Every structure is written in structure tokens, then in C-alpha cells.
């Protein structure tokens, strides 16, 4: 009864209060479902990132008009793998960057390592779940900062390359 009354009043609360509710660890899934449909982008962004958000709401937010909502969704710790796959195809590089940052799938990280956007490739190079073979591929990246990110990745070993001029291979020293 109390929960139902709360859900009925939730849409009429101020944006600030709805944002606070969406960020609260204790917020239950039904309230987050309401917040995920809010007209305010800041409320939807916070709901998208919440670990208690239902998969149904996650699927709806995949096509949100705001790239920042989709980016927040990609940073959700409980995002199912099949939704990561869909977000990895997003037209906005900031969304793909968020996927590359938080994804744990070696196959998806390998795919994103070939992304046209250098910041996406750098996020893959920094991801601690990126396999060594993908890091080796990124060590040949034309961007020096991507190469440096490879060096800094904990999965880099003595066989993985380091920063070098485009097309040239340099070896990492002992770690």
C-alpha cells in the first residue's frame, strides 16, 4: 500500500528529489522503472546507471534519444551481455567508449579495439579484462596515447609492445 502510494506520487516530485531517489542504493526496481520513463534527461541518466534497474527498463533506455542516458546505461554494473552488444553499435562514440570501459567480454573488447574512434580504442586498452592478444593488436595503434594505455594495462606482459611510431614495434621492459 505504501509502496503503491509512493509510486503514484513519484512522477510529481521535483527533478532534484527524483535524481536523489534514482541515486539511492535502496531504491527498488518499480520506482526505477518509473524514473527511467521520466521526461527529464538527468533523472533518466541516474536511473539508467542504477544496479536495481529492471532489464525491461534497460532495453527501453537502449534507444533513449539522449546519448548521455545510453552512456549511463553502458556503465550499469548489472547490464546483461546482450545489451552491451547492442550498445557497442551505438552511433555515438561516447556510448561505445562507456561500453569499452565497463565491458568484460573478450569478444566485444576485441571488436571495439577496431573502432574508428581513438577514445574507444583507448578505453579498450585501459580495460583490465582486455585479453593480451587484443592488447597486442592495440599496441600497433596509430595513436601514441592508445599505445601508452596498452603499456599501463595490467595484462600487458614482456611480449606486448609499447609506445612507438605508427607501424613500428617497441618492446616493453620488465614490469
C-alpha atoms as a PDB file:
ATOM      1  CA  UNK A   1       0.000   0.000   0.000  1.00  0.00           C
ATOM      2  CA  UNK A   2       2.718   2.486   0.976  1.00  0.00           C
ATOM      3  CA  UNK A   3       4.826   1.422  -1.999  1.00  0.00           C
ATOM      4  CA  UNK A   4       1.894   1.944  -4.370  1.00  0.00           C
ATOM      5  CA  UNK A   5       1.200   5.422  -2.948  1.00  0.00           C
ATOM      6  CA  UNK A   6       4.873   6.307  -3.344  1.00  0.00           C
ATOM      7  CA  UNK A   7       4.897   5.185  -6.995  1.00  0.00           C
ATOM      8  CA  UNK A   8       1.778   7.270  -7.654  1.00  0.00           C
ATOM      9  CA  UNK A   9       3.374  10.443  -6.280  1.00  0.00           C
ATOM     10  CA  UNK A  10       6.842   9.878  -7.766  1.00  0.00           C
ATOM     11  CA  UNK A  11       6.164  11.489 -11.181  1.00  0.00           C
ATOM     12  CA  UNK A  12       5.003  14.706  -9.469  1.00  0.00           C
ATOM     13  CA  UNK A  13       8.120  15.148  -7.347  1.00  0.00           C
ATOM     14  CA  UNK A  14      10.745  17.739  -8.198  1.00  0.00           C
ATOM     15  CA  UNK A  15      13.570  16.803 -10.559  1.00  0.00           C
ATOM     16  CA  UNK A  16      16.083  17.201  -7.735  1.00  0.00           C
ATOM     17  CA  UNK A  17      14.197  14.763  -5.498  1.00  0.00           C
ATOM     18  CA  UNK A  18      13.760  12.268  -8.351  1.00  0.00           C
ATOM     19  CA  UNK A  19      17.501  12.440  -9.082  1.00  0.00           C
ATOM     20  CA  UNK A  20      18.249  11.769  -5.404  1.00  0.00           C
ATOM     21  CA  UNK A  21      15.870   8.809  -5.385  1.00  0.00           C
ATOM     22  CA  UNK A  22      17.424   7.418  -8.574  1.00  0.00           C
ATOM     23  CA  UNK A  23      20.880   7.599  -6.985  1.00  0.00           C
ATOM     24  CA  UNK A  24      19.870   5.992  -3.706  1.00  0.00           C
ATOM     25  CA  UNK A  25      21.200   2.460  -3.292  1.00  0.00           C
ATOM     26  CA  UNK A  26      17.933   1.440  -1.598  1.00  0.00           C
ATOM     27  CA  UNK A  27      15.642   2.419  -4.464  1.00  0.00           C
ATOM     28  CA  UNK A  28      13.526  -0.532  -5.581  1.00  0.00           C
ATOM     29  CA  UNK A  29      13.083  -1.640  -9.187  1.00  0.00           C
ATOM     30  CA  UNK A  30       9.498  -0.439  -9.607  1.00  0.00           C
ATOM     31  CA  UNK A  31      10.472   3.115  -8.635  1.00  0.00           C
ATOM     32  CA  UNK A  32      13.408   2.988 -11.026  1.00  0.00           C
ATOM     33  CA  UNK A  33      11.083   1.852 -13.805  1.00  0.00           C
ATOM     34  CA  UNK A  34       9.019   5.000 -13.237  1.00  0.00           C
ATOM     35  CA  UNK A  35      12.153   7.173 -13.160  1.00  0.00           C
ATOM     36  CA  UNK A  36      13.525   5.564 -16.336  1.00  0.00           C
ATOM     37  CA  UNK A  37      10.471   6.956 -18.131  1.00  0.00           C
ATOM     38  CA  UNK A  38      10.797  10.465 -16.703  1.00  0.00           C
ATOM     39  CA  UNK A  39      10.791  13.421 -19.100  1.00  0.00           C
ATOM     40  CA  UNK A  40      13.956  14.860 -17.527  1.00  0.00           C
ATOM     41  CA  UNK A  41      17.181  13.515 -19.005  1.00  0.00           C
ATOM     42  CA  UNK A  42      19.069  13.866 -15.704  1.00  0.00           C
ATOM     43  CA  UNK A  43      16.564  11.635 -13.934  1.00  0.00           C
ATOM     44  CA  UNK A  44      16.766   9.017 -16.701  1.00  0.00           C
ATOM     45  CA  UNK A  45      20.594   9.132 -16.625  1.00  0.00           C
ATOM     46  CA  UNK A  46      20.656   8.357 -12.926  1.00  0.00           C
ATOM     47  CA  UNK A  47      18.044   5.611 -13.244  1.00  0.00           C
ATOM     48  CA  UNK A  48      19.983   4.066 -16.157  1.00  0.00           C
ATOM     49  CA  UNK A  49      23.077   3.576 -14.043  1.00  0.00           C
ATOM     50  CA  UNK A  50      21.299   2.085 -11.006  1.00  0.00           C
ATOM     51  CA  UNK A  51      22.067  -1.571 -10.254  1.00  0.00           C
ATOM     52  CA  UNK A  52      18.404  -2.341  -9.415  1.00  0.00           C
ATOM     53  CA  UNK A  53      17.044  -1.197 -12.780  1.00  0.00           C
ATOM     54  CA  UNK A  54      14.936  -3.891 -14.453  1.00  0.00           C
ATOM     55  CA  UNK A  55      16.061  -5.439 -17.719  1.00  0.00           C
ATOM     56  CA  UNK A  56      12.828  -4.231 -19.311  1.00  0.00           C
ATOM     57  CA  UNK A  57      13.733  -0.615 -18.476  1.00  0.00           C
ATOM     58  CA  UNK A  58      17.313  -1.198 -19.627  1.00  0.00           C
ATOM     59  CA  UNK A  59      16.007  -2.374 -23.005  1.00  0.00           C
ATOM     60  CA  UNK A  60      13.820   0.711 -23.290  1.00  0.00           C
ATOM     61  CA  UNK A  61      16.730   3.037 -22.456  1.00  0.00           C
ATOM     62  CA  UNK A  62      18.853   1.441 -25.218  1.00  0.00           C
ATOM     63  CA  UNK A  63      17.019   3.691 -27.653  1.00  0.00           C
ATOM     64  CA  UNK A  64      16.755   6.798 -25.485  1.00  0.00           C
ATOM     65  CA  UNK A  65      17.062   9.995 -27.509  1.00  0.00           C
ATOM     66  CA  UNK A  66      19.851  11.226 -25.240  1.00  0.00           C
ATOM     67  CA  UNK A  67      23.298   9.731 -25.772  1.00  0.00           C
ATOM     68  CA  UNK A  68      24.139  10.566 -22.137  1.00  0.00           C
ATOM     69  CA  UNK A  69      21.349   8.240 -20.931  1.00  0.00           C
ATOM     70  CA  UNK A  70      22.687   5.445 -23.157  1.00  0.00           C
ATOM     71  CA  UNK A  71      26.207   6.181 -21.872  1.00  0.00           C
ATOM     72  CA  UNK A  72      24.987   5.877 -18.266  1.00  0.00           C
ATOM     73  CA  UNK A  73      23.259   2.619 -19.161  1.00  0.00           C
ATOM     74  CA  UNK A  74      26.562   1.250 -20.508  1.00  0.00           C
ATOM     75  CA  UNK A  75      28.103   1.985 -17.099  1.00  0.00           C
ATOM     76  CA  UNK A  76      25.433  -0.007 -15.249  1.00  0.00           C
ATOM     77  CA  UNK A  77      27.195  -2.801 -13.347  1.00  0.00           C
ATOM     78  CA  UNK A  78      24.299  -5.207 -13.949  1.00  0.00           C
ATOM     79  CA  UNK A  79      23.865  -4.633 -17.671  1.00  0.00           C
ATOM     80  CA  UNK A  80      23.363  -8.026 -19.389  1.00  0.00           C
ATOM     81  CA  UNK A  81      25.906  -9.033 -22.032  1.00  0.00           C
ATOM     82  CA  UNK A  82      23.395  -8.942 -24.897  1.00  0.00           C
ATOM     83  CA  UNK A  83      22.640  -5.282 -24.117  1.00  0.00           C
ATOM     84  CA  UNK A  84      26.364  -4.454 -24.110  1.00  0.00           C
ATOM     85  CA  UNK A  85      26.443  -5.893 -27.628  1.00  0.00           C
ATOM     86  CA  UNK A  86      23.641  -3.569 -28.740  1.00  0.00           C
ATOM     87  CA  UNK A  87      25.230  -0.510 -27.136  1.00  0.00           C
ATOM     88  CA  UNK A  88      28.562  -1.317 -28.805  1.00  0.00           C
ATOM     89  CA  UNK A  89      26.817  -0.484 -32.115  1.00  0.00           C
ATOM     90  CA  UNK A  90      25.649   2.942 -30.917  1.00  0.00           C
ATOM     91  CA  UNK A  91      26.298   5.807 -33.320  1.00  0.00           C
ATOM     92  CA  UNK A  92      27.717   7.982 -30.534  1.00  0.00           C
ATOM     93  CA  UNK A  93      31.376   7.275 -29.674  1.00  0.00           C
ATOM     94  CA  UNK A  94      30.856   8.340 -26.039  1.00  0.00           C
ATOM     95  CA  UNK A  95      28.398   5.466 -25.621  1.00  0.00           C
ATOM     96  CA  UNK A  96      30.811   2.992 -27.247  1.00  0.00           C
ATOM     97  CA  UNK A  97      33.571   4.398 -25.022  1.00  0.00           C
ATOM     98  CA  UNK A  98      31.475   3.631 -21.930  1.00  0.00           C
ATOM     99  CA  UNK A  99      30.924   0.088 -23.235  1.00  0.00           C
ATOM    100  CA  UNK A 100      34.664  -0.344 -23.783  1.00  0.00           C
ATOM    101  CA  UNK A 101      35.331   0.966 -20.273  1.00  0.00           C
ATOM    102  CA  UNK A 102      32.934  -1.345 -18.435  1.00  0.00           C
ATOM    103  CA  UNK A 103      32.595  -4.433 -20.647  1.00  0.00           C
ATOM    104  CA  UNK A 104      34.087  -7.780 -19.564  1.00  0.00           C
ATOM    105  CA  UNK A 105      33.558  -9.748 -22.782  1.00  0.00           C
ATOM    106  CA  UNK A 106      36.845 -10.553 -24.563  1.00  0.00           C
ATOM    107  CA  UNK A 107      34.997 -10.861 -27.894  1.00  0.00           C
ATOM    108  CA  UNK A 108      33.324  -7.479 -27.554  1.00  0.00           C
ATOM    109  CA  UNK A 109      36.550  -5.817 -26.391  1.00  0.00           C
ATOM    110  CA  UNK A 110      38.317  -7.260 -29.435  1.00  0.00           C
ATOM    111  CA  UNK A 111      35.597  -5.839 -31.684  1.00  0.00           C
ATOM    112  CA  UNK A 112      35.791  -2.404 -30.019  1.00  0.00           C
ATOM    113  CA  UNK A 113      39.598  -2.436 -30.359  1.00  0.00           C
ATOM    114  CA  UNK A 114      38.965  -1.872 -34.082  1.00  0.00           C
ATOM    115  CA  UNK A 115      36.592   1.071 -33.542  1.00  0.00           C
ATOM    116  CA  UNK A 116      37.196   4.162 -35.670  1.00  0.00           C
ATOM    117  CA  UNK A 117      37.153   6.396 -32.579  1.00  0.00           C
ATOM    118  CA  UNK A 118      40.502   6.656 -30.811  1.00  0.00           C
ATOM    119  CA  UNK A 119      38.920   7.203 -27.380  1.00  0.00           C
ATOM    120  CA  UNK A 120      37.010   3.940 -27.711  1.00  0.00           C
ATOM    121  CA  UNK A 121      40.245   2.131 -28.574  1.00  0.00           C
ATOM    122  CA  UNK A 122      41.966   3.789 -25.613  1.00  0.00           C
ATOM    123  CA  UNK A 123      39.182   2.634 -23.279  1.00  0.00           C
ATOM    124  CA  UNK A 124      39.668  -0.928 -24.551  1.00  0.00           C
ATOM    125  CA  UNK A 125      43.414  -0.603 -23.971  1.00  0.00           C
ATOM    126  CA  UNK A 126      42.765   0.501 -20.365  1.00  0.00           C
ATOM    127  CA  UNK A 127      40.174  -2.184 -19.578  1.00  0.00           C
ATOM    128  CA  UNK A 128      41.632  -4.801 -17.221  1.00  0.00           C
ATOM    129  CA  UNK A 129      39.526  -7.500 -18.933  1.00  0.00           C
ATOM    130  CA  UNK A 130      41.117  -6.914 -22.327  1.00  0.00           C
ATOM    131  CA  UNK A 131      42.933 -10.074 -23.437  1.00  0.00           C
ATOM    132  CA  UNK A 132      46.623  -9.991 -24.239  1.00  0.00           C
ATOM    133  CA  UNK A 133      46.055 -10.657 -27.954  1.00  0.00           C
ATOM    134  CA  UNK A 134      43.788  -7.613 -28.201  1.00  0.00           C
ATOM    135  CA  UNK A 135      46.342  -5.513 -26.339  1.00  0.00           C
ATOM    136  CA  UNK A 136      48.966  -6.655 -28.812  1.00  0.00           C
ATOM    137  CA  UNK A 137      46.706  -5.508 -31.659  1.00  0.00           C
ATOM    138  CA  UNK A 138      46.234  -2.113 -29.969  1.00  0.00           C
ATOM    139  CA  UNK A 139      49.975  -1.745 -29.471  1.00  0.00           C
ATOM    140  CA  UNK A 140      50.126  -1.103 -33.221  1.00  0.00           C
ATOM    141  CA  UNK A 141      47.547   1.696 -32.995  1.00  0.00           C
ATOM    142  CA  UNK A 142      48.476   4.887 -34.813  1.00  0.00           C
ATOM    143  CA  UNK A 143      47.711   6.955 -31.702  1.00  0.00           C
ATOM    144  CA  UNK A 144      50.507   7.213 -29.132  1.00  0.00           C
ATOM    145  CA  UNK A 145      48.033   7.557 -26.214  1.00  0.00           C
ATOM    146  CA  UNK A 146      46.408   4.262 -27.135  1.00  0.00           C
ATOM    147  CA  UNK A 147      49.851   2.660 -27.147  1.00  0.00           C
ATOM    148  CA  UNK A 148      50.599   4.156 -23.725  1.00  0.00           C
ATOM    149  CA  UNK A 149      47.279   2.809 -22.410  1.00  0.00           C
ATOM    150  CA  UNK A 150      48.408  -0.652 -23.560  1.00  0.00           C
ATOM    151  CA  UNK A 151      51.620  -0.284 -21.566  1.00  0.00           C
ATOM    152  CA  UNK A 152      49.660   0.689 -18.465  1.00  0.00           C
ATOM    153  CA  UNK A 153      47.227  -2.239 -18.717  1.00  0.00           C
ATOM    154  CA  UNK A 154      47.895  -4.893 -16.037  1.00  0.00           C
ATOM    155  CA  UNK A 155      47.527  -7.650 -18.680  1.00  0.00           C
ATOM    156  CA  UNK A 156      50.498  -6.332 -20.614  1.00  0.00           C
ATOM    157  CA  UNK A 157      53.486  -8.636 -20.337  1.00  0.00           C
ATOM    158  CA  UNK A 158      57.030  -8.533 -21.711  1.00  0.00           C
ATOM    159  CA  UNK A 159      55.860  -9.718 -25.134  1.00  0.00           C
ATOM    160  CA  UNK A 160      53.345  -6.931 -25.644  1.00  0.00           C
ATOM    161  CA  UNK A 161      54.586  -3.874 -27.422  1.00  0.00           C
ATOM    162  CA  UNK A 162      54.911  -0.353 -26.116  1.00  0.00           C
ATOM    163  CA  UNK A 163      54.691   3.138 -27.497  1.00  0.00           C
ATOM    164  CA  UNK A 164      56.385   3.547 -30.860  1.00  0.00           C
ATOM    165  CA  UNK A 165      55.954   5.470 -34.075  1.00  0.00           C
ATOM    166  CA  UNK A 166      52.927   4.258 -36.106  1.00  0.00           C
ATOM    167  CA  UNK A 167      53.662   0.898 -37.719  1.00  0.00           C
ATOM    168  CA  UNK A 168      56.767   0.271 -35.613  1.00  0.00           C
ATOM    169  CA  UNK A 169      57.007  -2.167 -32.733  1.00  0.00           C
ATOM    170  CA  UNK A 170      58.838  -1.491 -29.469  1.00  0.00           C
ATOM    171  CA  UNK A 171      59.103  -3.955 -26.615  1.00  0.00           C
ATOM    172  CA  UNK A 172      58.004  -3.417 -23.033  1.00  0.00           C
ATOM    173  CA  UNK A 173      60.733  -3.695 -20.472  1.00  0.00           C
ATOM    174  CA  UNK A 174      60.335  -5.769 -17.315  1.00  0.00           C
ATOM    175  CA  UNK A 175      57.321  -4.922 -15.192  1.00  0.00           C
END
